[in-house]
Amino acid sequence: ALNTCISCERKKKRQPSTALSIDINLFE
């Protein structure tokens, strides 16, 4: 699990993306 998450995080840093989200969470 740790190796998978660390690998995915490294890939994510190499491929920046823009997340689409709503700025407010009504259930928070």
mmCIF file of all heavy atoms, coordinates in Angstrom:
data_MODEL
# 
_entry.id   MODEL 
# 
loop_
_atom_site.group_PDB 
_atom_site.id 
_atom_site.type_symbol 
_atom_site.label_atom_id 
_atom_site.label_alt_id 
_atom_site.label_comp_id 
_atom_site.label_asym_id 
_atom_site.label_entity_id 
_atom_site.label_seq_id 
_atom_site.pdbx_PDB_ins_code 
_atom_site.Cartn_x 
_atom_site.Cartn_y 
_atom_site.Cartn_z 
_atom_site.occupancy 
_atom_site.B_iso_or_equiv 
_atom_site.pdbx_formal_charge 
_atom_site.auth_seq_id 
_atom_site.auth_comp_id 
_atom_site.auth_asym_id 
_atom_site.auth_atom_id 
_atom_site.pdbx_PDB_model_num 
ATOM 1   N N   . ALA A 1 1  ? 0.829   -1.209 0.000   1.00 0.00 ? 1  ALA A N   1 
ATOM 2   C CA  . ALA A 1 1  ? 0.000   0.000  0.000   1.00 0.00 ? 1  ALA A CA  1 
ATOM 3   C C   . ALA A 1 1  ? 0.866   1.262  0.000   1.00 0.00 ? 1  ALA A C   1 
ATOM 4   O O   . ALA A 1 1  ? 0.612   2.200  -0.774  1.00 0.00 ? 1  ALA A O   1 
ATOM 5   C CB  . ALA A 1 1  ? -0.950  -0.007 1.198   1.00 0.00 ? 1  ALA A CB  1 
ATOM 6   N N   . LEU A 1 2  ? 1.872   1.296  0.861   1.00 0.00 ? 2  LEU A N   1 
ATOM 7   C CA  . LEU A 1 2  ? 2.747   2.469  0.915   1.00 0.00 ? 2  LEU A CA  1 
ATOM 8   C C   . LEU A 1 2  ? 3.491   2.674  -0.401  1.00 0.00 ? 2  LEU A C   1 
ATOM 9   O O   . LEU A 1 2  ? 3.549   3.790  -0.918  1.00 0.00 ? 2  LEU A O   1 
ATOM 10  C CB  . LEU A 1 2  ? 3.750   2.329  2.061   1.00 0.00 ? 2  LEU A CB  1 
ATOM 11  C CG  . LEU A 1 2  ? 3.181   2.505  3.455   1.00 0.00 ? 2  LEU A CG  1 
ATOM 12  C CD1 . LEU A 1 2  ? 4.208   2.094  4.509   1.00 0.00 ? 2  LEU A CD1 1 
ATOM 13  C CD2 . LEU A 1 2  ? 2.724   3.932  3.684   1.00 0.00 ? 2  LEU A CD2 1 
ATOM 14  N N   . ASN A 1 3  ? 4.059   1.606  -0.935  1.00 0.00 ? 3  ASN A N   1 
ATOM 15  C CA  . ASN A 1 3  ? 4.781   1.734  -2.205  1.00 0.00 ? 3  ASN A CA  1 
ATOM 16  C C   . ASN A 1 3  ? 3.864   2.175  -3.337  1.00 0.00 ? 3  ASN A C   1 
ATOM 17  O O   . ASN A 1 3  ? 4.250   2.987  -4.182  1.00 0.00 ? 3  ASN A O   1 
ATOM 18  C CB  . ASN A 1 3  ? 5.477   0.416  -2.560  1.00 0.00 ? 3  ASN A CB  1 
ATOM 19  C CG  . ASN A 1 3  ? 6.657   0.130  -1.664  1.00 0.00 ? 3  ASN A CG  1 
ATOM 20  O OD1 . ASN A 1 3  ? 7.234   1.033  -1.077  1.00 0.00 ? 3  ASN A OD1 1 
ATOM 21  N ND2 . ASN A 1 3  ? 7.015   -1.133 -1.547  1.00 0.00 ? 3  ASN A ND2 1 
ATOM 22  N N   . THR A 1 4  ? 2.640   1.664  -3.358  1.00 0.00 ? 4  THR A N   1 
ATOM 23  C CA  . THR A 1 4  ? 1.676   2.060  -4.384  1.00 0.00 ? 4  THR A CA  1 
ATOM 24  C C   . THR A 1 4  ? 1.352   3.542  -4.266  1.00 0.00 ? 4  THR A C   1 
ATOM 25  O O   . THR A 1 4  ? 1.377   4.280  -5.260  1.00 0.00 ? 4  THR A O   1 
ATOM 26  C CB  . THR A 1 4  ? 0.387   1.229  -4.262  1.00 0.00 ? 4  THR A CB  1 
ATOM 27  O OG1 . THR A 1 4  ? 0.705   -0.154 -4.426  1.00 0.00 ? 4  THR A OG1 1 
ATOM 28  C CG2 . THR A 1 4  ? -0.646  1.645  -5.302  1.00 0.00 ? 4  THR A CG2 1 
ATOM 29  N N   . CYS A 1 5  ? 1.059   3.997  -3.053  1.00 0.00 ? 5  CYS A N   1 
ATOM 30  C CA  . CYS A 1 5  ? 0.692   5.401  -2.850  1.00 0.00 ? 5  CYS A CA  1 
ATOM 31  C C   . CYS A 1 5  ? 1.853   6.336  -3.155  1.00 0.00 ? 5  CYS A C   1 
ATOM 32  O O   . CYS A 1 5  ? 1.668   7.391  -3.775  1.00 0.00 ? 5  CYS A O   1 
ATOM 33  C CB  . CYS A 1 5  ? 0.198   5.615  -1.422  1.00 0.00 ? 5  CYS A CB  1 
ATOM 34  S SG  . CYS A 1 5  ? -1.394  4.826  -1.100  1.00 0.00 ? 5  CYS A SG  1 
ATOM 35  N N   . ILE A 1 6  ? 3.057   5.944  -2.751  1.00 0.00 ? 6  ILE A N   1 
ATOM 36  C CA  . ILE A 1 6  ? 4.233   6.776  -3.027  1.00 0.00 ? 6  ILE A CA  1 
ATOM 37  C C   . ILE A 1 6  ? 4.481   6.856  -4.528  1.00 0.00 ? 6  ILE A C   1 
ATOM 38  O O   . ILE A 1 6  ? 4.744   7.928  -5.076  1.00 0.00 ? 6  ILE A O   1 
ATOM 39  C CB  . ILE A 1 6  ? 5.468   6.238  -2.272  1.00 0.00 ? 6  ILE A CB  1 
ATOM 40  C CG1 . ILE A 1 6  ? 5.302   6.500  -0.772  1.00 0.00 ? 6  ILE A CG1 1 
ATOM 41  C CG2 . ILE A 1 6  ? 6.753   6.875  -2.789  1.00 0.00 ? 6  ILE A CG2 1 
ATOM 42  C CD1 . ILE A 1 6  ? 6.319   5.788  0.107   1.00 0.00 ? 6  ILE A CD1 1 
ATOM 43  N N   . SER A 1 7  ? 4.354   5.735  -5.225  1.00 0.00 ? 7  SER A N   1 
ATOM 44  C CA  . SER A 1 7  ? 4.542   5.724  -6.686  1.00 0.00 ? 7  SER A CA  1 
ATOM 45  C C   . SER A 1 7  ? 3.507   6.588  -7.389  1.00 0.00 ? 7  SER A C   1 
ATOM 46  O O   . SER A 1 7  ? 3.833   7.347  -8.305  1.00 0.00 ? 7  SER A O   1 
ATOM 47  C CB  . SER A 1 7  ? 4.460   4.298  -7.224  1.00 0.00 ? 7  SER A CB  1 
ATOM 48  O OG  . SER A 1 7  ? 5.524   3.526  -6.758  1.00 0.00 ? 7  SER A OG  1 
ATOM 49  N N   . CYS A 1 8  ? 2.262   6.466  -6.956  1.00 0.00 ? 8  CYS A N   1 
ATOM 50  C CA  . CYS A 1 8  ? 1.197   7.277  -7.569  1.00 0.00 ? 8  CYS A CA  1 
ATOM 51  C C   . CYS A 1 8  ? 1.419   8.758  -7.320  1.00 0.00 ? 8  CYS A C   1 
ATOM 52  O O   . CYS A 1 8  ? 1.162   9.591  -8.190  1.00 0.00 ? 8  CYS A O   1 
ATOM 53  C CB  . CYS A 1 8  ? -0.170  6.843  -7.050  1.00 0.00 ? 8  CYS A CB  1 
ATOM 54  S SG  . CYS A 1 8  ? -0.702  5.239  -7.696  1.00 0.00 ? 8  CYS A SG  1 
ATOM 55  N N   . GLU A 1 9  ? 1.911   9.100  -6.128  1.00 0.00 ? 9  GLU A N   1 
ATOM 56  C CA  . GLU A 1 9  ? 2.173   10.507 -5.827  1.00 0.00 ? 9  GLU A CA  1 
ATOM 57  C C   . GLU A 1 9  ? 3.298   11.051 -6.707  1.00 0.00 ? 9  GLU A C   1 
ATOM 58  O O   . GLU A 1 9  ? 3.222   12.175 -7.188  1.00 0.00 ? 9  GLU A O   1 
ATOM 59  C CB  . GLU A 1 9  ? 2.537   10.672 -4.344  1.00 0.00 ? 9  GLU A CB  1 
ATOM 60  C CG  . GLU A 1 9  ? 2.692   12.127 -3.989  1.00 0.00 ? 9  GLU A CG  1 
ATOM 61  C CD  . GLU A 1 9  ? 2.632   12.360 -2.503  1.00 0.00 ? 9  GLU A CD  1 
ATOM 62  O OE1 . GLU A 1 9  ? 1.554   12.181 -1.926  1.00 0.00 ? 9  GLU A OE1 1 
ATOM 63  O OE2 . GLU A 1 9  ? 3.665   12.730 -1.942  1.00 0.00 ? 9  GLU A OE2 1 
ATOM 64  N N   . ARG A 1 10 ? 4.318   10.244 -6.940  1.00 0.00 ? 10 ARG A N   1 
ATOM 65  C CA  . ARG A 1 10 ? 5.411   10.677 -7.818  1.00 0.00 ? 10 ARG A CA  1 
ATOM 66  C C   . ARG A 1 10 ? 4.904   10.908 -9.235  1.00 0.00 ? 10 ARG A C   1 
ATOM 67  O O   . ARG A 1 10 ? 5.281   11.886 -9.885  1.00 0.00 ? 10 ARG A O   1 
ATOM 68  C CB  . ARG A 1 10 ? 6.523   9.639  -7.816  1.00 0.00 ? 10 ARG A CB  1 
ATOM 69  C CG  . ARG A 1 10 ? 7.336   9.644  -6.562  1.00 0.00 ? 10 ARG A CG  1 
ATOM 70  C CD  . ARG A 1 10 ? 8.463   8.639  -6.633  1.00 0.00 ? 10 ARG A CD  1 
ATOM 71  N NE  . ARG A 1 10 ? 9.175   8.608  -5.372  1.00 0.00 ? 10 ARG A NE  1 
ATOM 72  C CZ  . ARG A 1 10 ? 9.696   7.520  -4.845  1.00 0.00 ? 10 ARG A CZ  1 
ATOM 73  N NH1 . ARG A 1 10 ? 9.619   6.369  -5.493  1.00 0.00 ? 10 ARG A NH1 1 
ATOM 74  N NH2 . ARG A 1 10 ? 10.317  7.561  -3.693  1.00 0.00 ? 10 ARG A NH2 1 
ATOM 75  N N   . LYS A 1 11 ? 4.055   9.997  -9.717  1.00 0.00 ? 11 LYS A N   1 
ATOM 76  C CA  . LYS A 1 11 ? 3.479   10.159 -11.067 1.00 0.00 ? 11 LYS A CA  1 
ATOM 77  C C   . LYS A 1 11 ? 2.640   11.424 -11.136 1.00 0.00 ? 11 LYS A C   1 
ATOM 78  O O   . LYS A 1 11 ? 2.676   12.153 -12.123 1.00 0.00 ? 11 LYS A O   1 
ATOM 79  C CB  . LYS A 1 11 ? 2.606   8.957  -11.422 1.00 0.00 ? 11 LYS A CB  1 
ATOM 80  C CG  . LYS A 1 11 ? 3.372   7.708  -11.737 1.00 0.00 ? 11 LYS A CG  1 
ATOM 81  C CD  . LYS A 1 11 ? 2.404   6.573  -12.033 1.00 0.00 ? 11 LYS A CD  1 
ATOM 82  C CE  . LYS A 1 11 ? 3.094   5.232  -12.018 1.00 0.00 ? 11 LYS A CE  1 
ATOM 83  N NZ  . LYS A 1 11 ? 2.141   4.122  -12.138 1.00 0.00 ? 11 LYS A NZ  1 
ATOM 84  N N   . LYS A 1 12 ? 1.876   11.669 -10.085 1.00 0.00 ? 12 LYS A N   1 
ATOM 85  C CA  . LYS A 1 12 ? 0.996   12.834 -10.044 1.00 0.00 ? 12 LYS A CA  1 
ATOM 86  C C   . LYS A 1 12 ? 1.813   14.127 -10.109 1.00 0.00 ? 12 LYS A C   1 
ATOM 87  O O   . LYS A 1 12 ? 1.418   15.077 -10.771 1.00 0.00 ? 12 LYS A O   1 
ATOM 88  C CB  . LYS A 1 12 ? 0.162   12.782 -8.762  1.00 0.00 ? 12 LYS A CB  1 
ATOM 89  C CG  . LYS A 1 12 ? -0.954  13.788 -8.691  1.00 0.00 ? 12 LYS A CG  1 
ATOM 90  C CD  . LYS A 1 12 ? -1.907  13.518 -7.549  1.00 0.00 ? 12 LYS A CD  1 
ATOM 91  C CE  . LYS A 1 12 ? -1.238  13.538 -6.209  1.00 0.00 ? 12 LYS A CE  1 
ATOM 92  N NZ  . LYS A 1 12 ? -2.144  13.466 -5.077  1.00 0.00 ? 12 LYS A NZ  1 
ATOM 93  N N   . LYS A 1 13 ? 2.961   14.142 -9.442  1.00 0.00 ? 13 LYS A N   1 
ATOM 94  C CA  . LYS A 1 13 ? 3.797   15.338 -9.458  1.00 0.00 ? 13 LYS A CA  1 
ATOM 95  C C   . LYS A 1 13 ? 4.406   15.584 -10.831 1.00 0.00 ? 13 LYS A C   1 
ATOM 96  O O   . LYS A 1 13 ? 4.633   16.715 -11.221 1.00 0.00 ? 13 LYS A O   1 
ATOM 97  C CB  . LYS A 1 13 ? 4.899   15.232 -8.405  1.00 0.00 ? 13 LYS A CB  1 
ATOM 98  C CG  . LYS A 1 13 ? 4.390   15.447 -7.004  1.00 0.00 ? 13 LYS A CG  1 
ATOM 99  C CD  . LYS A 1 13 ? 5.497   15.416 -5.993  1.00 0.00 ? 13 LYS A CD  1 
ATOM 100 C CE  . LYS A 1 13 ? 4.923   15.651 -4.611  1.00 0.00 ? 13 LYS A CE  1 
ATOM 101 N NZ  . LYS A 1 13 ? 5.948   15.593 -3.574  1.00 0.00 ? 13 LYS A NZ  1 
ATOM 102 N N   . ARG A 1 14 ? 4.666   14.504 -11.571 1.00 0.00 ? 14 ARG A N   1 
ATOM 103 C CA  . ARG A 1 14 ? 5.230   14.641 -12.915 1.00 0.00 ? 14 ARG A CA  1 
ATOM 104 C C   . ARG A 1 14 ? 4.180   15.097 -13.922 1.00 0.00 ? 14 ARG A C   1 
ATOM 105 O O   . ARG A 1 14 ? 4.507   15.655 -14.946 1.00 0.00 ? 14 ARG A O   1 
ATOM 106 C CB  . ARG A 1 14 ? 5.834   13.315 -13.380 1.00 0.00 ? 14 ARG A CB  1 
ATOM 107 C CG  . ARG A 1 14 ? 7.222   13.102 -12.829 1.00 0.00 ? 14 ARG A CG  1 
ATOM 108 C CD  . ARG A 1 14 ? 7.857   11.877 -13.442 1.00 0.00 ? 14 ARG A CD  1 
ATOM 109 N NE  . ARG A 1 14 ? 7.936   10.870 -12.395 1.00 0.00 ? 14 ARG A NE  1 
ATOM 110 C CZ  . ARG A 1 14 ? 7.549   9.605  -12.500 1.00 0.00 ? 14 ARG A CZ  1 
ATOM 111 N NH1 . ARG A 1 14 ? 7.062   9.153  -13.621 1.00 0.00 ? 14 ARG A NH1 1 
ATOM 112 N NH2 . ARG A 1 14 ? 7.643   8.791  -11.497 1.00 0.00 ? 14 ARG A NH2 1 
ATOM 113 N N   . GLN A 1 15 ? 2.917   14.803 -13.652 1.00 0.00 ? 15 GLN A N   1 
ATOM 114 C CA  . GLN A 1 15 ? 1.840   15.144 -14.562 1.00 0.00 ? 15 GLN A CA  1 
ATOM 115 C C   . GLN A 1 15 ? 0.835   16.052 -13.857 1.00 0.00 ? 15 GLN A C   1 
ATOM 116 O O   . GLN A 1 15 ? -0.198  15.594 -13.385 1.00 0.00 ? 15 GLN A O   1 
ATOM 117 C CB  . GLN A 1 15 ? 1.126   13.885 -15.048 1.00 0.00 ? 15 GLN A CB  1 
ATOM 118 C CG  . GLN A 1 15 ? 2.027   12.928 -15.781 1.00 0.00 ? 15 GLN A CG  1 
ATOM 119 C CD  . GLN A 1 15 ? 1.331   11.612 -16.064 1.00 0.00 ? 15 GLN A CD  1 
ATOM 120 O OE1 . GLN A 1 15 ? 0.277   11.321 -15.543 1.00 0.00 ? 15 GLN A OE1 1 
ATOM 121 N NE2 . GLN A 1 15 ? 1.940   10.801 -16.906 1.00 0.00 ? 15 GLN A NE2 1 
ATOM 122 N N   . PRO A 1 16 ? 1.154   17.338 -13.753 1.00 0.00 ? 16 PRO A N   1 
ATOM 123 C CA  . PRO A 1 16 ? 0.233   18.239 -13.053 1.00 0.00 ? 16 PRO A CA  1 
ATOM 124 C C   . PRO A 1 16 ? -1.116  18.316 -13.764 1.00 0.00 ? 16 PRO A C   1 
ATOM 125 O O   . PRO A 1 16 ? -1.199  18.276 -14.989 1.00 0.00 ? 16 PRO A O   1 
ATOM 126 C CB  . PRO A 1 16 ? 0.957   19.584 -13.078 1.00 0.00 ? 16 PRO A CB  1 
ATOM 127 C CG  . PRO A 1 16 ? 1.969   19.479 -14.152 1.00 0.00 ? 16 PRO A CG  1 
ATOM 128 C CD  . PRO A 1 16 ? 2.283   18.025 -14.325 1.00 0.00 ? 16 PRO A CD  1 
ATOM 129 N N   . SER A 1 17 ? -2.157  18.403 -12.981 1.00 0.00 ? 17 SER A N   1 
ATOM 130 C CA  . SER A 1 17 ? -3.498  18.503 -13.547 1.00 0.00 ? 17 SER A CA  1 
ATOM 131 C C   . SER A 1 17 ? -4.306  19.512 -12.749 1.00 0.00 ? 17 SER A C   1 
ATOM 132 O O   . SER A 1 17 ? -3.971  19.854 -11.629 1.00 0.00 ? 17 SER A O   1 
ATOM 133 C CB  . SER A 1 17 ? -4.204  17.140 -13.517 1.00 0.00 ? 17 SER A CB  1 
ATOM 134 O OG  . SER A 1 17 ? -4.346  16.717 -12.186 1.00 0.00 ? 17 SER A OG  1 
ATOM 135 N N   . THR A 1 18 ? -5.365  19.965 -13.350 1.00 0.00 ? 18 THR A N   1 
ATOM 136 C CA  . THR A 1 18 ? -6.255  20.899 -12.693 1.00 0.00 ? 18 THR A CA  1 
ATOM 137 C C   . THR A 1 18 ? -7.490  20.152 -12.241 1.00 0.00 ? 18 THR A C   1 
ATOM 138 O O   . THR A 1 18 ? -8.178  19.519 -13.046 1.00 0.00 ? 18 THR A O   1 
ATOM 139 C CB  . THR A 1 18 ? -6.666  22.028 -13.663 1.00 0.00 ? 18 THR A CB  1 
ATOM 140 O OG1 . THR A 1 18 ? -5.481  22.629 -14.166 1.00 0.00 ? 18 THR A OG1 1 
ATOM 141 C CG2 . THR A 1 18 ? -7.508  23.050 -12.962 1.00 0.00 ? 18 THR A CG2 1 
ATOM 142 N N   . ALA A 1 19 ? -7.743  20.210 -10.947 1.00 0.00 ? 19 ALA A N   1 
ATOM 143 C CA  . ALA A 1 19 ? -8.906  19.510 -10.395 1.00 0.00 ? 19 ALA A CA  1 
ATOM 144 C C   . ALA A 1 19 ? -10.136 20.408 -10.488 1.00 0.00 ? 19 ALA A C   1 
ATOM 145 O O   . ALA A 1 19 ? -10.068 21.614 -10.240 1.00 0.00 ? 19 ALA A O   1 
ATOM 146 C CB  . ALA A 1 19 ? -8.662  19.135 -8.954  1.00 0.00 ? 19 ALA A CB  1 
ATOM 147 N N   . LEU A 1 20 ? -11.229 19.831 -10.875 1.00 0.00 ? 20 LEU A N   1 
ATOM 148 C CA  . LEU A 1 20 ? -12.489 20.557 -10.905 1.00 0.00 ? 20 LEU A CA  1 
ATOM 149 C C   . LEU A 1 20 ? -13.255 20.192 -9.648  1.00 0.00 ? 20 LEU A C   1 
ATOM 150 O O   . LEU A 1 20 ? -13.488 19.023 -9.367  1.00 0.00 ? 20 LEU A O   1 
ATOM 151 C CB  . LEU A 1 20 ? -13.301 20.149 -12.137 1.00 0.00 ? 20 LEU A CB  1 
ATOM 152 C CG  . LEU A 1 20 ? -12.641 20.399 -13.480 1.00 0.00 ? 20 LEU A CG  1 
ATOM 153 C CD1 . LEU A 1 20 ? -13.520 19.842 -14.597 1.00 0.00 ? 20 LEU A CD1 1 
ATOM 154 C CD2 . LEU A 1 20 ? -12.425 21.888 -13.678 1.00 0.00 ? 20 LEU A CD2 1 
ATOM 155 N N   . SER A 1 21 ? -13.608 21.202 -8.872  1.00 0.00 ? 21 SER A N   1 
ATOM 156 C CA  . SER A 1 21 ? -14.337 20.910 -7.637  1.00 0.00 ? 21 SER A CA  1 
ATOM 157 C C   . SER A 1 21 ? -15.192 22.099 -7.243  1.00 0.00 ? 21 SER A C   1 
ATOM 158 O O   . SER A 1 21 ? -14.978 23.223 -7.676  1.00 0.00 ? 21 SER A O   1 
ATOM 159 C CB  . SER A 1 21 ? -13.371 20.571 -6.507  1.00 0.00 ? 21 SER A CB  1 
ATOM 160 O OG  . SER A 1 21 ? -12.603 21.714 -6.181  1.00 0.00 ? 21 SER A OG  1 
ATOM 161 N N   . ILE A 1 22 ? -16.123 21.814 -6.380  1.00 0.00 ? 22 ILE A N   1 
ATOM 162 C CA  . ILE A 1 22 ? -16.956 22.857 -5.795  1.00 0.00 ? 22 ILE A CA  1 
ATOM 163 C C   . ILE A 1 22 ? -16.209 23.379 -4.581  1.00 0.00 ? 22 ILE A C   1 
ATOM 164 O O   . ILE A 1 22 ? -15.623 22.611 -3.818  1.00 0.00 ? 22 ILE A O   1 
ATOM 165 C CB  . ILE A 1 22 ? -18.327 22.271 -5.399  1.00 0.00 ? 22 ILE A CB  1 
ATOM 166 C CG1 . ILE A 1 22 ? -19.025 21.718 -6.633  1.00 0.00 ? 22 ILE A CG1 1 
ATOM 167 C CG2 . ILE A 1 22 ? -19.165 23.309 -4.688  1.00 0.00 ? 22 ILE A CG2 1 
ATOM 168 C CD1 . ILE A 1 22 ? -20.324 21.005 -6.329  1.00 0.00 ? 22 ILE A CD1 1 
ATOM 169 N N   . ASP A 1 23 ? -16.214 24.673 -4.365  1.00 0.00 ? 23 ASP A N   1 
ATOM 170 C CA  . ASP A 1 23 ? -15.430 25.268 -3.291  1.00 0.00 ? 23 ASP A CA  1 
ATOM 171 C C   . ASP A 1 23 ? -15.998 25.045 -1.897  1.00 0.00 ? 23 ASP A C   1 
ATOM 172 O O   . ASP A 1 23 ? -15.340 25.338 -0.915  1.00 0.00 ? 23 ASP A O   1 
ATOM 173 C CB  . ASP A 1 23 ? -15.269 26.776 -3.525  1.00 0.00 ? 23 ASP A CB  1 
ATOM 174 C CG  . ASP A 1 23 ? -14.378 27.060 -4.722  1.00 0.00 ? 23 ASP A CG  1 
ATOM 175 O OD1 . ASP A 1 23 ? -13.586 26.179 -5.082  1.00 0.00 ? 23 ASP A OD1 1 
ATOM 176 O OD2 . ASP A 1 23 ? -14.496 28.159 -5.278  1.00 0.00 ? 23 ASP A OD2 1 
ATOM 177 N N   . ILE A 1 24 ? -17.197 24.557 -1.793  1.00 0.00 ? 24 ILE A N   1 
ATOM 178 C CA  . ILE A 1 24 ? -17.806 24.389 -0.488  1.00 0.00 ? 24 ILE A CA  1 
ATOM 179 C C   . ILE A 1 24 ? -18.352 22.972 -0.353  1.00 0.00 ? 24 ILE A C   1 
ATOM 180 O O   . ILE A 1 24 ? -18.879 22.408 -1.301  1.00 0.00 ? 24 ILE A O   1 
ATOM 181 C CB  . ILE A 1 24 ? -18.933 25.430 -0.254  1.00 0.00 ? 24 ILE A CB  1 
ATOM 182 C CG1 . ILE A 1 24 ? -19.431 25.369 1.171   1.00 0.00 ? 24 ILE A CG1 1 
ATOM 183 C CG2 . ILE A 1 24 ? -20.061 25.252 -1.229  1.00 0.00 ? 24 ILE A CG2 1 
ATOM 184 C CD1 . ILE A 1 24 ? -20.275 26.573 1.561   1.00 0.00 ? 24 ILE A CD1 1 
ATOM 185 N N   . ASN A 1 25 ? -18.170 22.422 0.823   1.00 0.00 ? 25 ASN A N   1 
ATOM 186 C CA  . ASN A 1 25 ? -18.707 21.106 1.126   1.00 0.00 ? 25 ASN A CA  1 
ATOM 187 C C   . ASN A 1 25 ? -19.805 21.285 2.170   1.00 0.00 ? 25 ASN A C   1 
ATOM 188 O O   . ASN A 1 25 ? -19.533 21.583 3.327   1.00 0.00 ? 25 ASN A O   1 
ATOM 189 C CB  . ASN A 1 25 ? -17.596 20.192 1.656   1.00 0.00 ? 25 ASN A CB  1 
ATOM 190 C CG  . ASN A 1 25 ? -18.090 18.790 1.923   1.00 0.00 ? 25 ASN A CG  1 
ATOM 191 O OD1 . ASN A 1 25 ? -19.293 18.518 1.880   1.00 0.00 ? 25 ASN A OD1 1 
ATOM 192 N ND2 . ASN A 1 25 ? -17.170 17.904 2.222   1.00 0.00 ? 25 ASN A ND2 1 
ATOM 193 N N   . LEU A 1 26 ? -21.028 21.114 1.755   1.00 0.00 ? 26 LEU A N   1 
ATOM 194 C CA  . LEU A 1 26 ? -22.157 21.331 2.648   1.00 0.00 ? 26 LEU A CA  1 
ATOM 195 C C   . LEU A 1 26 ? -22.238 20.297 3.761   1.00 0.00 ? 26 LEU A C   1 
ATOM 196 O O   . LEU A 1 26 ? -22.901 20.515 4.768   1.00 0.00 ? 26 LEU A O   1 
ATOM 197 C CB  . LEU A 1 26 ? -23.467 21.332 1.849   1.00 0.00 ? 26 LEU A CB  1 
ATOM 198 C CG  . LEU A 1 26 ? -23.561 22.397 0.767   1.00 0.00 ? 26 LEU A CG  1 
ATOM 199 C CD1 . LEU A 1 26 ? -24.842 22.215 -0.040  1.00 0.00 ? 26 LEU A CD1 1 
ATOM 200 C CD2 . LEU A 1 26 ? -23.512 23.783 1.381   1.00 0.00 ? 26 LEU A CD2 1 
ATOM 201 N N   . PHE A 1 27 ? -21.560 19.181 3.592   1.00 0.00 ? 27 PHE A N   1 
ATOM 202 C CA  . PHE A 1 27 ? -21.618 18.112 4.585   1.00 0.00 ? 27 PHE A CA  1 
ATOM 203 C C   . PHE A 1 27 ? -20.429 18.135 5.542   1.00 0.00 ? 27 PHE A C   1 
ATOM 204 O O   . PHE A 1 27 ? -20.313 17.282 6.395   1.00 0.00 ? 27 PHE A O   1 
ATOM 205 C CB  . PHE A 1 27 ? -21.673 16.750 3.880   1.00 0.00 ? 27 PHE A CB  1 
ATOM 206 C CG  . PHE A 1 27 ? -22.859 16.632 2.976   1.00 0.00 ? 27 PHE A CG  1 
ATOM 207 C CD1 . PHE A 1 27 ? -22.705 16.754 1.603   1.00 0.00 ? 27 PHE A CD1 1 
ATOM 208 C CD2 . PHE A 1 27 ? -24.127 16.436 3.485   1.00 0.00 ? 27 PHE A CD2 1 
ATOM 209 C CE1 . PHE A 1 27 ? -23.794 16.664 0.762   1.00 0.00 ? 27 PHE A CE1 1 
ATOM 210 C CE2 . PHE A 1 27 ? -25.216 16.344 2.652   1.00 0.00 ? 27 PHE A CE2 1 
ATOM 211 C CZ  . PHE A 1 27 ? -25.056 16.459 1.288   1.00 0.00 ? 27 PHE A CZ  1 
ATOM 212 N N   . GLU A 1 28 ? -19.558 19.110 5.394   1.00 0.00 ? 28 GLU A N   1 
ATOM 213 C CA  . GLU A 1 28 ? -18.357 19.174 6.218   1.00 0.00 ? 28 GLU A CA  1 
ATOM 214 C C   . GLU A 1 28 ? -18.701 19.514 7.660   1.00 0.00 ? 28 GLU A C   1 
ATOM 215 O O   . GLU A 1 28 ? -19.461 20.425 7.943   1.00 0.00 ? 28 GLU A O   1 
ATOM 216 C CB  . GLU A 1 28 ? -17.421 20.238 5.643   1.00 0.00 ? 28 GLU A CB  1 
ATOM 217 C CG  . GLU A 1 28 ? -16.038 20.171 6.195   1.00 0.00 ? 28 GLU A CG  1 
ATOM 218 C CD  . GLU A 1 28 ? -15.108 21.087 5.434   1.00 0.00 ? 28 GLU A CD  1 
ATOM 219 O OE1 . GLU A 1 28 ? -14.832 20.818 4.258   1.00 0.00 ? 28 GLU A OE1 1 
ATOM 220 O OE2 . GLU A 1 28 ? -14.674 22.082 6.043   1.00 0.00 ? 28 GLU A OE2 1 
# 
